[in-house]
Amino acid sequence: MRKLIVIITIALLSLPLSAWCQGDRLSMAELFKTMPDSLMPYLTTNNRLDMLDFRAAKMKAAVTNKLECESEMTALTSDSLSVRMSESLRVDMFTLPTEEVYDSCQYVICMLKTYLMQGEPAECVAEFFTSKWRQLGDLPQYSSKYAYSSILRRDEELPQKKAFR
């Protein structure tokens, strides 16, 4: 009986650690839950948890944010998430594999903030984080792929709008 209790205790204590080890990925829902409030200042922790609960219940995942506007989670998969924060901001998050190990994981989180003007993308800003939400410096192998700005550009310099849809 004593051996069984020791085995169960060790198994339960090792579960949280196994989620952080190299190669294992936390689901995007788990990452969204643990995200610091400072990264999405429109939403409180309770707003994020409500969105996840609504989504799990197959309801519209919309909440009233701190600015008294509606924010809605429009997509959620095991490795990506999309939230319409307001009429002028959309936040997409996804995990990207890396060759280097960051916080014992071989992936990073990319947070892509898309600022909209009249419903069309005007500027995208990519930020990269570890699984423990430590901000990474610019990762050139990814940032050039996702960073885009149309502000202060001539029309002929803008890429085709099809690239955004």
Protein backbone atom coordinates (compact mmCIF):
# COMPACT_ATOMS: atom_id res chain seq x y z
CA MET A 1 0.00 0.00 0.00
CA ARG A 2 2.84 2.37 0.87
CA LYS A 3 4.53 1.69 -2.49
CA LEU A 4 1.32 2.50 -4.33
CA ILE A 5 0.98 5.85 -2.53
CA VAL A 6 4.60 6.73 -3.31
CA ILE A 7 4.17 5.82 -7.00
CA ILE A 8 0.96 7.85 -7.32
CA THR A 9 2.56 10.84 -5.57
CA ILE A 10 5.59 10.76 -7.86
CA ALA A 11 3.37 10.44 -10.92
CA LEU A 12 1.22 13.41 -9.89
CA LEU A 13 4.24 15.57 -9.09
CA SER A 14 5.88 14.83 -12.43
CA LEU A 15 2.83 15.70 -14.56
CA PRO A 16 3.24 19.50 -14.53
CA LEU A 17 6.97 19.19 -15.22
CA SER A 18 6.43 16.93 -18.23
CA ALA A 19 4.37 19.60 -19.97
CA TRP A 20 7.36 21.97 -19.99
CA CYS A 21 9.97 19.53 -21.18
CA GLN A 22 11.60 19.68 -24.58
CA GLY A 23 9.45 18.46 -27.43
CA ASP A 24 6.14 18.59 -25.55
CA ARG A 25 3.87 21.45 -26.44
CA LEU A 26 1.29 23.07 -24.29
CA SER A 27 -1.99 23.59 -26.08
CA MET A 28 -2.77 27.12 -27.22
CA ALA A 29 -5.64 27.18 -24.71
CA GLU A 30 -3.18 26.50 -21.86
CA LEU A 31 -0.80 29.15 -23.16
CA PHE A 32 -3.68 31.65 -23.45
CA LYS A 33 -4.66 30.95 -19.83
CA THR A 34 -1.15 31.56 -18.52
CA MET A 35 -0.48 34.67 -20.61
CA PRO A 36 0.26 37.80 -18.54
CA ASP A 37 -2.46 40.48 -18.62
CA SER A 38 0.08 43.03 -19.84
CA LEU A 39 0.28 41.33 -23.26
CA MET A 40 -3.42 41.85 -23.97
CA PRO A 41 -4.33 44.88 -21.89
CA TYR A 42 -7.88 44.95 -23.32
CA LEU A 43 -8.67 41.63 -21.63
CA THR A 44 -8.56 40.52 -18.01
CA THR A 45 -7.63 37.00 -17.00
CA ASN A 46 -11.33 36.30 -16.41
CA ASN A 47 -12.17 37.54 -19.92
CA ARG A 48 -9.67 35.09 -21.41
CA LEU A 49 -10.97 32.22 -19.28
CA ASP A 50 -14.56 33.09 -20.24
CA MET A 51 -13.62 33.05 -23.93
CA LEU A 52 -12.16 29.56 -23.54
CA ASP A 53 -15.21 28.34 -21.61
CA PHE A 54 -17.63 29.79 -24.18
CA ARG A 55 -15.63 28.21 -27.01
CA ALA A 56 -15.65 24.81 -25.24
CA ALA A 57 -19.43 25.10 -24.81
CA LYS A 58 -19.77 25.80 -28.57
CA MET A 59 -21.06 29.30 -27.85
CA LYS A 60 -19.95 32.61 -29.34
CA ALA A 61 -16.68 33.33 -27.49
CA ALA A 62 -17.30 37.07 -27.02
CA VAL A 63 -16.75 39.16 -23.90
CA THR A 64 -16.93 42.83 -22.99
CA ASN A 65 -13.36 44.09 -22.66
CA LYS A 66 -11.93 46.87 -20.47
CA LEU A 67 -12.79 49.47 -23.12
CA GLU A 68 -16.47 48.45 -22.94
CA CYS A 69 -16.27 46.99 -26.46
CA GLU A 70 -16.76 43.42 -27.57
CA SER A 71 -13.75 41.14 -28.08
CA GLU A 72 -14.27 37.74 -29.66
CA MET A 73 -12.16 34.63 -30.02
CA THR A 74 -12.72 33.69 -33.66
CA ALA A 75 -10.46 30.62 -33.91
CA LEU A 76 -8.78 28.15 -31.59
CA THR A 77 -6.74 25.06 -32.44
CA SER A 78 -4.11 23.17 -30.48
CA ASP A 79 -1.37 25.42 -31.88
CA SER A 80 -3.08 28.67 -32.93
CA LEU A 81 -5.59 31.24 -31.78
CA SER A 82 -7.23 34.34 -33.20
CA VAL A 83 -8.96 37.09 -31.22
CA ARG A 84 -10.73 40.10 -32.66
CA MET A 85 -9.90 42.59 -29.93
CA SER A 86 -11.81 45.48 -31.48
CA GLU A 87 -12.81 46.81 -34.87
CA SER A 88 -9.25 48.02 -35.36
CA LEU A 89 -7.13 45.24 -33.84
CA ARG A 90 -6.85 41.49 -34.39
CA VAL A 91 -4.40 39.32 -32.45
CA ASP A 92 -3.24 35.96 -33.80
CA MET A 93 -1.03 33.63 -31.81
CA PHE A 94 0.65 30.44 -32.93
CA THR A 95 3.54 28.23 -31.98
CA LEU A 96 6.57 27.92 -34.22
CA PRO A 97 9.22 25.19 -34.06
CA THR A 98 12.78 26.32 -33.42
CA GLU A 99 16.18 24.71 -33.66
CA GLU A 100 17.19 26.26 -30.35
CA VAL A 101 15.67 25.36 -26.99
CA TYR A 102 13.92 28.19 -25.11
CA ASP A 103 12.74 27.58 -21.53
CA SER A 104 13.16 23.82 -22.06
CA CYS A 105 10.89 23.85 -25.13
CA GLN A 106 11.80 23.65 -28.76
CA TYR A 107 9.15 26.11 -29.93
CA VAL A 108 8.29 29.76 -29.51
CA ILE A 109 4.99 31.63 -29.43
CA CYS A 110 4.46 34.22 -32.12
CA MET A 111 1.95 36.95 -31.33
CA LEU A 112 0.92 38.78 -34.46
CA LYS A 113 -0.98 42.02 -33.87
CA THR A 114 -2.76 43.27 -36.99
CA TYR A 115 -3.96 46.86 -36.89
CA LEU A 116 -6.86 47.52 -39.23
CA MET A 117 -7.98 50.67 -41.00
CA GLN A 118 -11.50 50.53 -42.42
CA GLY A 119 -11.44 46.75 -42.07
CA GLU A 120 -8.26 46.31 -44.11
CA PRO A 121 -4.85 45.38 -42.61
CA ALA A 122 -2.69 48.48 -42.22
CA GLU A 123 0.17 47.18 -40.09
CA CYS A 124 1.28 43.88 -38.55
CA VAL A 125 3.67 43.59 -35.63
CA ALA A 126 5.19 40.25 -34.65
CA GLU A 127 6.44 39.52 -31.13
CA PHE A 128 8.04 36.27 -29.97
CA PHE A 129 7.82 34.64 -26.55
CA THR A 130 8.95 31.47 -24.82
CA SER A 131 6.37 29.05 -23.42
CA LYS A 132 6.79 30.83 -20.07
CA TRP A 133 5.96 34.18 -21.71
CA ARG A 134 9.47 35.61 -21.63
CA GLN A 135 9.83 37.97 -24.56
CA LEU A 136 12.50 37.04 -27.06
CA GLY A 137 14.43 39.52 -29.12
CA ASP A 138 13.71 39.83 -32.79
CA LEU A 139 13.95 36.42 -34.42
CA PRO A 140 15.00 37.30 -37.98
CA GLN A 141 14.14 33.88 -39.36
CA TYR A 142 10.47 34.58 -38.51
CA SER A 143 9.98 38.34 -38.17
CA SER A 144 10.68 39.20 -41.81
CA LYS A 145 8.07 36.63 -42.75
CA TYR A 146 5.34 38.23 -40.61
CA ALA A 147 6.20 41.90 -40.13
CA TYR A 148 4.39 44.15 -42.57
CA SER A 149 3.56 47.83 -42.59
CA SER A 150 1.57 49.75 -45.19
CA ILE A 151 1.65 53.01 -43.28
CA LEU A 152 3.61 55.70 -45.12
CA ARG A 153 4.02 53.62 -48.27
CA ARG A 154 3.07 54.51 -51.80
CA ASP A 155 0.29 52.44 -53.39
CA GLU A 156 2.67 50.79 -55.86
CA GLU A 157 4.81 49.52 -52.94
CA LEU A 158 1.92 47.65 -51.30
CA PRO A 159 1.60 43.90 -51.90
CA GLN A 160 -1.58 42.44 -53.35
CA LYS A 161 -4.45 42.42 -50.83
CA LYS A 162 -4.96 38.70 -51.53
CA ALA A 163 -1.90 38.00 -49.35
CA PHE A 164 -3.91 38.91 -46.24
CA ARG A 165 -6.95 36.76 -46.79
